[in-house]
Structures are given as C-alpha cells and as structure tokens.
Amino acid sequence: MIIGDIEEFKSPVDGTIITGRAAMRSHFKQHGLTHVSDYNSPGGYWDKKRAEREKAYTPGAGYDRDRRIEHLKNAYDKHRR
C-alpha cells in the first residue's frame, strides 16, 4: 500500500508553505519542531506516561493514598487562609 503525499499547508511558525513530507521534515528540523507521531511509537513518551499514571492507582507501587490525601488537605488549608 502506498501512502500519498500530504496536502500543502501554511506553517504557523513563520508562514512558509509546506509542500510535502520532505519539506515538512526539513522545516521541523530547522525550527526544532516534532510531529505527534514521534510520541506515539511503542514504548515511547505516551506509553511511559500512561504507565506512570496507572502506577498511581496500583496498590503497593509507591504511591501512598493516605499521604496524598494529607498533602491535598494541607494544600487546601494553606490556600484557603
């Protein structure tokens, strides 16, 4: 299966017209940008963050529920005054 090229679009960074994938890669590299697909690889950024969030709900994973509740109460009391 062959994937066609992307449609032209205007860069919100500097207004240049991006005409294809190669131009987009070059533009991203020039301006220090990244594409959302860079974060979606297996074991990538989003997978690591998902595992980190799930760990907060796993008993015995180092996240003490009572300690979190106490911190929240203290923060609420501090900001209420």
Protein backbone atom coordinates (compact mmCIF):
# COMPACT_ATOMS: atom_id res chain seq x y z
CA MET A 1 0.00 0.00 0.00
CA ILE A 2 1.33 3.41 -0.96
CA ILE A 3 0.60 6.46 1.13
CA GLY A 4 0.18 9.66 -0.84
CA ASP A 5 1.92 12.89 -0.01
CA ILE A 6 0.40 15.40 2.39
CA GLU A 7 -1.60 18.40 1.29
CA GLU A 8 0.08 21.78 1.24
CA PHE A 9 -0.28 23.82 4.41
CA LYS A 10 0.98 27.08 5.83
CA SER A 11 3.38 26.83 8.75
CA PRO A 12 2.13 28.66 11.83
CA VAL A 13 5.76 29.25 12.84
CA ASP A 14 6.88 31.51 10.02
CA GLY A 15 4.17 31.34 7.34
CA THR A 16 6.09 29.29 4.78
CA ILE A 17 4.13 26.90 2.59
CA ILE A 18 4.97 23.24 3.27
CA THR A 19 4.52 21.22 0.08
CA GLY A 20 5.31 17.65 1.10
CA ARG A 21 6.73 15.29 3.69
CA ALA A 22 10.35 16.06 2.86
CA ALA A 23 9.70 19.79 3.13
CA MET A 24 7.90 19.22 6.43
CA ARG A 25 10.80 17.18 7.86
CA SER A 26 13.26 19.86 6.78
CA HIS A 27 11.09 22.66 8.22
CA PHE A 28 10.65 20.78 11.52
CA LYS A 29 14.38 20.18 11.80
CA GLN A 30 15.18 23.81 11.02
CA HIS A 31 12.80 25.12 13.70
CA GLY A 32 13.30 22.40 16.32
CA LEU A 33 9.77 21.02 15.97
CA THR A 34 8.41 17.49 16.16
CA HIS A 35 5.39 15.64 14.84
CA VAL A 36 2.84 13.96 17.08
CA SER A 37 3.77 10.57 15.59
CA ASP A 38 7.19 10.90 17.23
CA TYR A 39 5.48 10.43 20.60
CA ASN A 40 3.28 7.55 19.52
CA SER A 41 5.88 4.82 18.94
CA PRO A 42 5.55 1.66 21.07
CA GLY A 43 7.34 2.22 24.35
CA GLY A 44 7.52 5.93 23.56
CA TYR A 45 6.60 9.02 25.52
CA TRP A 46 2.85 8.41 25.71
CA ASP A 47 3.25 4.78 26.74
CA LYS A 48 5.64 5.79 29.52
CA LYS A 49 3.28 8.49 30.77
CA ARG A 50 0.33 6.05 30.67
CA ALA A 51 2.29 3.54 32.76
CA GLU A 52 3.21 6.31 35.21
CA ARG A 53 -0.46 7.30 35.60
CA GLU A 54 -1.54 3.69 36.06
CA LYS A 55 1.11 3.20 38.73
CA ALA A 56 -0.61 5.84 40.85
CA TYR A 57 -3.66 3.54 41.08
CA THR A 58 -1.73 0.31 41.68
CA PRO A 59 -1.56 -0.73 45.33
CA GLY A 60 1.99 -1.07 46.62
CA ALA A 61 3.53 0.88 43.74
CA GLY A 62 4.97 3.57 45.99
CA TYR A 63 2.03 5.95 45.86
CA ASP A 64 0.56 6.16 49.34
CA ARG A 65 -3.11 7.15 49.11
CA ASP A 66 -3.29 8.43 52.69
CA ARG A 67 -0.18 10.57 52.21
CA ARG A 68 -1.64 12.08 49.01
CA ILE A 69 -4.90 12.90 50.79
CA GLU A 70 -3.00 14.55 53.64
CA HIS A 71 -0.98 16.66 51.16
CA LEU A 72 -4.18 17.74 49.42
CA LYS A 73 -5.80 18.72 52.73
CA ASN A 74 -2.72 20.73 53.72
CA ALA A 75 -2.61 22.50 50.36
CA TYR A 76 -6.32 23.31 50.56
CA ASP A 77 -5.98 24.69 54.09
CA LYS A 78 -2.92 26.73 53.15
CA HIS A 79 -4.64 28.38 50.16
CA ARG A 80 -7.94 28.87 51.98
CA ARG A 81 -6.34 31.15 54.58
